C-alpha atoms as a PDB file:
ATOM      1  CA  MET A   1       0.125  -0.191  -0.161  1.00  0.00           C
ATOM      2  CA  LYS A   2       1.440   3.308  -0.906  1.00  0.00           C
ATOM      3  CA  ALA A   3       0.589   6.912   0.743  1.00  0.00           C
ATOM      4  CA  MET A   4       1.578  10.667   0.623  1.00  0.00           C
ATOM      5  CA  ILE A   5       2.127  12.529   3.442  1.00  0.00           C
ATOM      6  CA  PHE A   6       1.716  16.355   3.205  1.00  0.00           C
ATOM      7  CA  ALA A   7       4.865  18.169   5.213  1.00  0.00           C
ATOM      8  CA  ALA A   8       5.618  21.196   3.038  1.00  0.00           C
ATOM      9  CA  GLY A   9       3.831  23.563   5.453  1.00  0.00           C
ATOM     10  CA  LYS A  10       5.895  26.841   6.986  1.00  0.00           C
ATOM     11  CA  GLY A  11       3.642  26.546  10.546  1.00  0.00           C
ATOM     12  CA  THR A  12       3.517  30.156  10.934  1.00  0.00           C
ATOM     13  CA  ARG A  13       0.934  29.987  13.497  1.00  0.00           C
ATOM     14  CA  LEU A  14       3.253  27.432  15.393  1.00  0.00           C
ATOM     15  CA  LYS A  15       5.829  30.064  15.912  1.00  0.00           C
ATOM     16  CA  PRO A  16       8.265  30.276  17.563  1.00  0.00           C
ATOM     17  CA  LEU A  17       8.742  26.331  17.381  1.00  0.00           C
ATOM     18  CA  THR A  18       9.215  27.064  13.913  1.00  0.00           C
ATOM     19  CA  ASP A  19      11.400  29.561  13.489  1.00  0.00           C
ATOM     20  CA  HIS A  20      13.967  27.402  12.989  1.00  0.00           C
ATOM     21  CA  THR A  21      12.156  23.898  12.556  1.00  0.00           C
ATOM     22  CA  PRO A  22       9.655  22.527   9.920  1.00  0.00           C
ATOM     23  CA  LYS A  23       6.303  21.838  11.110  1.00  0.00           C
ATOM     24  CA  ALA A  24       6.293  18.080  10.545  1.00  0.00           C
ATOM     25  CA  LEU A  25       9.302  18.159  12.863  1.00  0.00           C
ATOM     26  CA  VAL A  26       7.746  19.780  15.777  1.00  0.00           C
ATOM     27  CA  LYS A  27       7.236  17.433  18.466  1.00  0.00           C
ATOM     28  CA  ILE A  28       4.606  15.807  19.991  1.00  0.00           C
ATOM     29  CA  ASN A  29       5.373  14.788  23.882  1.00  0.00           C
ATOM     30  CA  ASP A  30       9.003  14.226  22.264  1.00  0.00           C
ATOM     31  CA  VAL A  31       7.714  12.536  18.939  1.00  0.00           C
ATOM     32  CA  PRO A  32       7.769  14.313  15.584  1.00  0.00           C
ATOM     33  CA  MET A  33       4.401  14.775  14.176  1.00  0.00           C
ATOM     34  CA  ILE A  34       5.653  13.126  11.026  1.00  0.00           C
ATOM     35  CA  GLU A  35       7.021  10.035  12.982  1.00  0.00           C
ATOM     36  CA  ILE A  36       3.715   9.666  14.715  1.00  0.00           C
ATOM     37  CA  VAL A  37       2.139   9.754  11.140  1.00  0.00           C
ATOM     38  CA  ILE A  38       4.300   7.646   9.398  1.00  0.00           C
ATOM     39  CA  LYS A  39       4.435   4.870  11.968  1.00  0.00           C
ATOM     40  CA  LYS A  40       0.427   5.357  11.940  1.00  0.00           C
ATOM     41  CA  LEU A  41       0.701   4.295   8.087  1.00  0.00           C
ATOM     42  CA  ILE A  42       3.118   1.603   8.437  1.00  0.00           C
ATOM     43  CA  ALA A  43       1.099  -0.198  11.269  1.00  0.00           C
ATOM     44  CA  ILE A  44      -1.680  -0.655   8.699  1.00  0.00           C
ATOM     45  CA  GLY A  45       0.496  -2.036   5.856  1.00  0.00           C
ATOM     46  CA  VAL A  46       2.072   0.745   3.957  1.00  0.00           C
ATOM     47  CA  SER A  47       5.049   0.113   2.640  1.00  0.00           C
ATOM     48  CA  GLU A  48       5.904   3.191   0.334  1.00  0.00           C
ATOM     49  CA  ILE A  49       5.406   6.682   0.814  1.00  0.00           C
ATOM     50  CA  ILE A  50       6.282  10.137  -1.006  1.00  0.00           C
ATOM     51  CA  ILE A  51       6.261  13.404   1.202  1.00  0.00           C
ATOM     52  CA  ASN A  52       6.413  16.673  -0.295  1.00  0.00           C
ATOM     53  CA  VAL A  53       8.506  18.959   1.381  1.00  0.00           C
ATOM     54  CA  HIS A  54       9.098  23.074   0.952  1.00  0.00           C
ATOM     55  CA  TYR A  55      10.058  24.761   4.425  1.00  0.00           C
ATOM     56  CA  LEU A  56      13.267  23.595   6.088  1.00  0.00           C
ATOM     57  CA  ALA A  57      13.372  20.785   3.478  1.00  0.00           C
ATOM     58  CA  ASP A  58      16.911  19.504   4.098  1.00  0.00           C
ATOM     59  CA  GLN A  59      15.967  18.919   7.805  1.00  0.00           C
ATOM     60  CA  ILE A  60      13.069  16.547   7.065  1.00  0.00           C
ATOM     61  CA  ILE A  61      15.389  14.805   4.585  1.00  0.00           C
ATOM     62  CA  GLU A  62      18.154  14.526   7.572  1.00  0.00           C
ATOM     63  CA  PHE A  63      15.422  13.133  10.196  1.00  0.00           C
ATOM     64  CA  LEU A  64      14.568  10.296   7.555  1.00  0.00           C
ATOM     65  CA  LYS A  65      17.972   9.384   6.732  1.00  0.00           C
ATOM     66  CA  SER A  66      18.616   9.281  10.850  1.00  0.00           C
ATOM     67  CA  LYS A  67      15.667   6.903  10.861  1.00  0.00           C
ATOM     68  CA  ASN A  68      16.924   4.852   7.740  1.00  0.00           C
ATOM     69  CA  ASN A  69      13.328   5.845   6.005  1.00  0.00           C
ATOM     70  CA  PHE A  70      11.931   3.630   8.555  1.00  0.00           C
ATOM     71  CA  ASP A  71      12.985   0.736   6.744  1.00  0.00           C
ATOM     72  CA  ILE A  72      10.594   1.576   4.048  1.00  0.00           C
ATOM     73  CA  ARG A  73      10.503   3.267   0.861  1.00  0.00           C
ATOM     74  CA  ILE A  74      10.088   6.971   1.340  1.00  0.00           C
ATOM     75  CA  GLU A  75      10.528   9.258  -1.865  1.00  0.00           C
ATOM     76  CA  ILE A  76      10.847  12.985  -1.689  1.00  0.00           C
ATOM     77  CA  SER A  77       8.736  15.546  -3.790  1.00  0.00           C
ATOM     78  CA  ASP A  78      10.618  18.592  -3.321  1.00  0.00           C
ATOM     79  CA  GLU A  79       8.902  21.494  -3.944  1.00  0.00           C
ATOM     80  CA  THR A  80      11.562  24.000  -2.063  1.00  0.00           C
ATOM     81  CA  SER A  81      11.356  26.210  -5.260  1.00  0.00           C
ATOM     82  CA  GLU A  82       7.602  26.680  -5.043  1.00  0.00           C
ATOM     83  CA  LEU A  83       4.817  25.750  -2.985  1.00  0.00           C
ATOM     84  CA  LEU A  84       2.564  24.053  -5.029  1.00  0.00           C
ATOM     85  CA  ASP A  85      -0.476  23.952  -2.357  1.00  0.00           C
ATOM     86  CA  THR A  86      -2.092  20.761  -2.127  1.00  0.00           C
ATOM     87  CA  GLY A  87      -3.470  19.779  -5.686  1.00  0.00           C
ATOM     88  CA  GLY A  88      -0.478  21.147  -7.308  1.00  0.00           C
ATOM     89  CA  GLY A  89       1.469  18.820  -4.880  1.00  0.00           C
ATOM     90  CA  LEU A  90      -0.411  15.822  -5.274  1.00  0.00           C
ATOM     91  CA  LYS A  91      -0.405  16.687  -9.318  1.00  0.00           C
ATOM     92  CA  LYS A  92       3.739  16.909  -8.472  1.00  0.00           C
ATOM     93  CA  ALA A  93       3.683  13.647  -6.946  1.00  0.00           C
ATOM     94  CA  SER A  94       1.605  11.772  -9.039  1.00  0.00           C
ATOM     95  CA  TRP A  95       4.213   9.911 -11.258  1.00  0.00           C
ATOM     96  CA  PHE A  96       4.827   7.572  -7.670  1.00  0.00           C
ATOM     97  CA  PHE A  97       1.095   6.228  -7.927  1.00  0.00           C
ATOM     98  CA  ASN A  98       1.763   4.140 -10.835  1.00  0.00           C
ATOM     99  CA  ASP A  99      -0.906   1.351 -10.232  1.00  0.00           C
ATOM    100  CA  ASP A 100      -4.968   1.134  -9.973  1.00  0.00           C
ATOM    101  CA  GLU A 101      -4.737   0.851  -6.258  1.00  0.00           C
ATOM    102  CA  PRO A 102      -6.138   3.594  -3.743  1.00  0.00           C
ATOM    103  CA  PHE A 103      -3.647   5.566  -1.546  1.00  0.00           C
ATOM    104  CA  ILE A 104      -3.891   7.444   1.432  1.00  0.00           C
ATOM    105  CA  LEU A 105      -2.996  11.012   1.698  1.00  0.00           C
ATOM    106  CA  HIS A 106      -2.338  12.275   5.151  1.00  0.00           C
ATOM    107  CA  ASN A 107      -1.521  15.923   6.442  1.00  0.00           C
ATOM    108  CA  ALA A 108       1.632  15.717   8.435  1.00  0.00           C
ATOM    109  CA  ASP A 109      -0.027  17.818  11.362  1.00  0.00           C
ATOM    110  CA  VAL A 110      -3.006  15.407  11.894  1.00  0.00           C
ATOM    111  CA  ILE A 111      -2.722  12.950  15.044  1.00  0.00           C
ATOM    112  CA  SER A 112      -5.753  10.850  15.347  1.00  0.00           C
ATOM    113  CA  ASN A 113      -6.581   7.106  15.686  1.00  0.00           C
ATOM    114  CA  ILE A 114      -9.023   6.746  12.741  1.00  0.00           C
ATOM    115  CA  ASP A 115      -8.849   3.458  11.527  1.00  0.00           C
ATOM    116  CA  LEU A 116      -7.626   4.034   8.056  1.00  0.00           C
ATOM    117  CA  LEU A 117      -8.230   0.511   7.241  1.00  0.00           C
ATOM    118  CA  ASP A 118     -11.997   0.845   7.630  1.00  0.00           C
ATOM    119  CA  MET A 119     -12.107   4.048   5.494  1.00  0.00           C
ATOM    120  CA  LEU A 120     -10.202   1.969   3.040  1.00  0.00           C
ATOM    121  CA  ASN A 121     -13.010  -0.416   2.841  1.00  0.00           C
ATOM    122  CA  PHE A 122     -15.448   2.229   2.992  1.00  0.00           C
ATOM    123  CA  HIS A 123     -13.679   3.722  -0.216  1.00  0.00           C
ATOM    124  CA  LYS A 124     -13.649   0.384  -2.002  1.00  0.00           C
ATOM    125  CA  GLU A 125     -17.511  -0.601  -1.054  1.00  0.00           C
ATOM    126  CA  HIS A 126     -18.666   2.700  -2.558  1.00  0.00           C
ATOM    127  CA  ASN A 127     -16.554   2.497  -5.708  1.00  0.00           C
ATOM    128  CA  ALA A 128     -15.658   6.106  -4.882  1.00  0.00           C
ATOM    129  CA  VAL A 129     -12.719   8.158  -6.575  1.00  0.00           C
ATOM    130  CA  VAL A 130     -12.446   9.927  -3.139  1.00  0.00           C
ATOM    131  CA  THR A 131     -13.118   9.605   0.344  1.00  0.00           C
ATOM    132  CA  LEU A 132     -12.610  12.514   2.759  1.00  0.00           C
ATOM    133  CA  ALA A 133     -12.606  12.062   6.440  1.00  0.00           C
ATOM    134  CA  MET A 134     -15.027  14.403   8.006  1.00  0.00           C
ATOM    135  CA  ARG A 135     -16.356  15.537  11.331  1.00  0.00           C
ATOM    136  CA  GLU A 136     -19.491  18.001  12.759  1.00  0.00           C
ATOM    137  CA  ARG A 137     -17.191  20.414  14.260  1.00  0.00           C
ATOM    138  CA  LYS A 138     -16.928  24.376  14.162  1.00  0.00           C
ATOM    139  CA  SER A 139     -15.056  25.487  11.097  1.00  0.00           C
ATOM    140  CA  SER A 140     -14.788  28.563   8.712  1.00  0.00           C
ATOM    141  CA  ARG A 141     -14.780  26.142   5.900  1.00  0.00           C
ATOM    142  CA  TYR A 142     -16.717  23.294   5.241  1.00  0.00           C
ATOM    143  CA  PHE A 143     -17.362  20.416   2.543  1.00  0.00           C
ATOM    144  CA  ILE A 144     -21.173  19.945   1.511  1.00  0.00           C
ATOM    145  CA  PHE A 145     -22.354  16.763   1.172  1.00  0.00           C
ATOM    146  CA  ASN A 146     -26.220  15.261   0.116  1.00  0.00           C
ATOM    147  CA  GLU A 147     -28.391  12.618   1.890  1.00  0.00           C
ATOM    148  CA  LYS A 148     -26.242   9.813   0.051  1.00  0.00           C
ATOM    149  CA  MET A 149     -23.065  11.633   1.735  1.00  0.00           C
ATOM    150  CA  ASN A 150     -21.862  12.632  -1.570  1.00  0.00           C
ATOM    151  CA  LEU A 151     -19.550  15.785  -1.890  1.00  0.00           C
ATOM    152  CA  CYS A 152     -21.802  18.650  -3.666  1.00  0.00           C
ATOM    153  CA  GLY A 153     -20.026  21.835  -2.742  1.00  0.00           C
ATOM    154  CA  TRP A 154     -18.125  24.091  -0.753  1.00  0.00           C
ATOM    155  CA  GLU A 155     -18.413  26.784   1.818  1.00  0.00           C
ATOM    156  CA  ASN A 156     -16.260  29.553   3.132  1.00  0.00           C
ATOM    157  CA  THR A 157     -18.457  31.198   5.938  1.00  0.00           C
ATOM    158  CA  LYS A 158     -16.093  34.015   6.610  1.00  0.00           C
ATOM    159  CA  THR A 159     -15.831  35.253   2.905  1.00  0.00           C
ATOM    160  CA  SER A 160     -19.609  33.885   1.960  1.00  0.00           C
ATOM    161  CA  VAL A 161     -18.030  32.196  -1.103  1.00  0.00           C
ATOM    162  CA  LYS A 162     -20.098  28.970  -1.738  1.00  0.00           C
ATOM    163  CA  ILE A 163     -19.934  26.604  -4.662  1.00  0.00           C
ATOM    164  CA  ILE A 164     -22.145  24.081  -5.451  1.00  0.00           C
ATOM    165  CA  SER A 165     -21.404  21.248  -7.791  1.00  0.00           C
ATOM    166  CA  LYS A 166     -25.014  19.605  -7.515  1.00  0.00           C
ATOM    167  CA  ASP A 167     -28.179  20.286  -6.054  1.00  0.00           C
ATOM    168  CA  THR A 168     -29.297  18.738  -3.024  1.00  0.00           C
ATOM    169  CA  HIS A 169     -32.256  19.107  -0.704  1.00  0.00           C
ATOM    170  CA  HIS A 170     -31.047  18.098   2.259  1.00  0.00           C
ATOM    171  CA  PRO A 171     -27.385  19.706   2.687  1.00  0.00           C
ATOM    172  CA  LYS A 172     -25.010  18.521   5.405  1.00  0.00           C
ATOM    173  CA  LEU A 173     -22.241  20.715   6.361  1.00  0.00           C
ATOM    174  CA  LEU A 174     -18.971  18.984   7.563  1.00  0.00           C
ATOM    175  CA  ALA A 175     -15.141  20.023   8.586  1.00  0.00           C
ATOM    176  CA  PHE A 176     -12.533  18.207   6.588  1.00  0.00           C
ATOM    177  CA  SER A 177     -10.107  16.051   8.561  1.00  0.00           C
ATOM    178  CA  GLY A 178      -6.873  16.053   6.906  1.00  0.00           C
ATOM    179  CA  ILE A 179      -7.369  12.528   5.645  1.00  0.00           C
ATOM    180  CA  HIS A 180      -7.970  11.722   1.812  1.00  0.00           C
ATOM    181  CA  MET A 181      -8.582   8.207   0.476  1.00  0.00           C
ATOM    182  CA  ILE A 182      -7.862   8.865  -3.264  1.00  0.00           C
ATOM    183  CA  SER A 183      -8.100   6.102  -6.226  1.00  0.00           C
ATOM    184  CA  PRO A 184      -5.641   7.132  -9.053  1.00  0.00           C
ATOM    185  CA  ALA A 185      -8.346   7.843 -11.415  1.00  0.00           C
ATOM    186  CA  PHE A 186      -8.459  11.177  -9.675  1.00  0.00           C
ATOM    187  CA  PHE A 187      -5.258  12.653 -11.286  1.00  0.00           C
ATOM    188  CA  ASN A 188      -7.502  12.780 -14.616  1.00  0.00           C
ATOM    189  CA  SER A 189      -9.194  15.543 -12.588  1.00  0.00           C
ATOM    190  CA  LEU A 190      -5.993  17.598 -11.713  1.00  0.00           C
ATOM    191  CA  ASN A 191      -6.153  20.052 -14.690  1.00  0.00           C
ATOM    192  CA  ASN A 192      -4.516  22.807 -13.503  1.00  0.00           C
ATOM    193  CA  GLU A 193      -1.164  23.802 -13.631  1.00  0.00           C
ATOM    194  CA  GLY A 194       1.606  24.851 -10.611  1.00  0.00           C
ATOM    195  CA  CYS A 195       0.286  25.975  -7.674  1.00  0.00           C
ATOM    196  CA  PHE A 196      -3.400  25.232  -6.598  1.00  0.00           C
ATOM    197  CA  SER A 197      -5.559  23.927  -4.406  1.00  0.00           C
ATOM    198  CA  ILE A 198      -7.176  20.187  -4.376  1.00  0.00           C
ATOM    199  CA  ILE A 199     -10.683  21.480  -3.242  1.00  0.00           C
ATOM    200  CA  GLN A 200     -11.022  22.957  -6.829  1.00  0.00           C
ATOM    201  CA  SER A 201     -10.505  19.251  -7.957  1.00  0.00           C
ATOM    202  CA  TYR A 202     -12.827  17.728  -5.826  1.00  0.00           C
ATOM    203  CA  ILE A 203     -15.427  20.172  -6.736  1.00  0.00           C
ATOM    204  CA  GLU A 204     -15.392  19.504 -10.341  1.00  0.00           C
ATOM    205  CA  SER A 205     -14.924  16.022  -9.953  1.00  0.00           C
ATOM    206  CA  SER A 206     -17.801  15.521  -7.839  1.00  0.00           C
ATOM    207  CA  LYS A 207     -20.080  16.422 -10.495  1.00  0.00           C
ATOM    208  CA  ASN A 208     -19.677  13.190 -12.370  1.00  0.00           C
ATOM    209  CA  ALA A 209     -17.444  11.265  -9.878  1.00  0.00           C
ATOM    210  CA  ILE A 210     -18.477   9.651  -6.535  1.00  0.00           C
ATOM    211  CA  ILE A 211     -16.521  11.794  -3.705  1.00  0.00           C
ATOM    212  CA  LYS A 212     -17.770  10.373  -0.102  1.00  0.00           C
ATOM    213  CA  ALA A 213     -17.850  11.555   3.375  1.00  0.00           C
ATOM    214  CA  TYR A 214     -16.269   9.403   5.815  1.00  0.00           C
ATOM    215  CA  LYS A 215     -17.479   9.972   9.532  1.00  0.00           C
ATOM    216  CA  PRO A 216     -15.377   8.033  12.047  1.00  0.00           C
ATOM    217  CA  GLU A 217     -17.125   7.722  15.342  1.00  0.00           C
ATOM    218  CA  ASN A 218     -15.294   7.914  18.831  1.00  0.00           C
ATOM    219  CA  LYS A 219     -12.016   8.574  17.502  1.00  0.00           C
ATOM    220  CA  TYR A 220      -9.609  11.043  18.427  1.00  0.00           C
ATOM    221  CA  TRP A 221      -8.381  13.784  16.160  1.00  0.00           C
ATOM    222  CA  PHE A 222      -5.924  16.631  16.501  1.00  0.00           C
ATOM    223  CA  ASP A 223      -5.240  19.179  14.188  1.00  0.00           C
ATOM    224  CA  ILE A 224      -1.659  20.529  15.333  1.00  0.00           C
ATOM    225  CA  GLY A 225      -2.587  24.085  13.829  1.00  0.00           C
ATOM    226  CA  ASN A 226      -1.355  26.640  16.407  1.00  0.00           C
ATOM    227  CA  ILE A 227       0.464  26.140  19.906  1.00  0.00           C
ATOM    228  CA  ASP A 228      -2.722  25.766  22.154  1.00  0.00           C
ATOM    229  CA  LYS A 229      -3.599  22.714  19.600  1.00  0.00           C
ATOM    230  CA  LEU A 230      -0.191  21.143  20.021  1.00  0.00           C
ATOM    231  CA  LYS A 231      -0.499  21.562  24.089  1.00  0.00           C
ATOM    232  CA  GLU A 232      -4.067  19.775  23.969  1.00  0.00           C
ATOM    233  CA  ALA A 233      -2.745  17.058  21.980  1.00  0.00           C
ATOM    234  CA  GLU A 234       0.285  16.521  24.231  1.00  0.00           C
ATOM    235  CA  GLN A 235      -2.089  16.353  27.394  1.00  0.00           C
ATOM    236  CA  PHE A 236      -4.481  13.937  25.607  1.00  0.00           C
ATOM    237  CA  LEU A 237      -2.087  11.681  24.642  1.00  0.00           C
ATOM    238  CA  ALA A 238      -0.031  11.941  27.718  1.00  0.00           C
ATOM    239  CA  ARG A 239      -2.939  10.075  29.690  1.00  0.00           C
END
């Protein structure tokens, strides 16, 4: 099984911890968050991972070398010259996914005990092109799903920007959890070039393809976006 980890972010909201350290190497109870994610992926059978890097990329590369790449195949997608955002980053790494098997796309700063194998089975059972781990929580940005939990739009409540890909009478607004299950057929929807958000491609693809919401129950989840979230995760995981 293959996976990609998004680790190119600058982590500006984690300053001063990220003044001289890439966000992916910020530690949670003395363990770099990217190490937590890699070990979680290995535990479910992932043996090949590609990681995109940008800010202080050399530190991440050296860290992986010091760990002997955790005894699996790890490739680097180098974005040091230009940060490509989520869509551009995935497109640049698309060469790595040269088979027809679904793969996991995981943010380096998301720590959870979501059952990824259950999510993979859900993805396959519903013949989805993409499955997104979603939660009911407060956010300024939401994906919109219909009664069948198929993606049909996106909304930013702060800017009032709303994009609808297909009509629904019972819209459900859910917040994204930073974990994607993707079938390689989705690459046909990555039509933009350079730096672009994957959200654009998801919305466009959802007009004709199945993009599902996966809602895990009774699971912990942390997006380590700022110092407070980091402390919250540390306290919870130290129990």
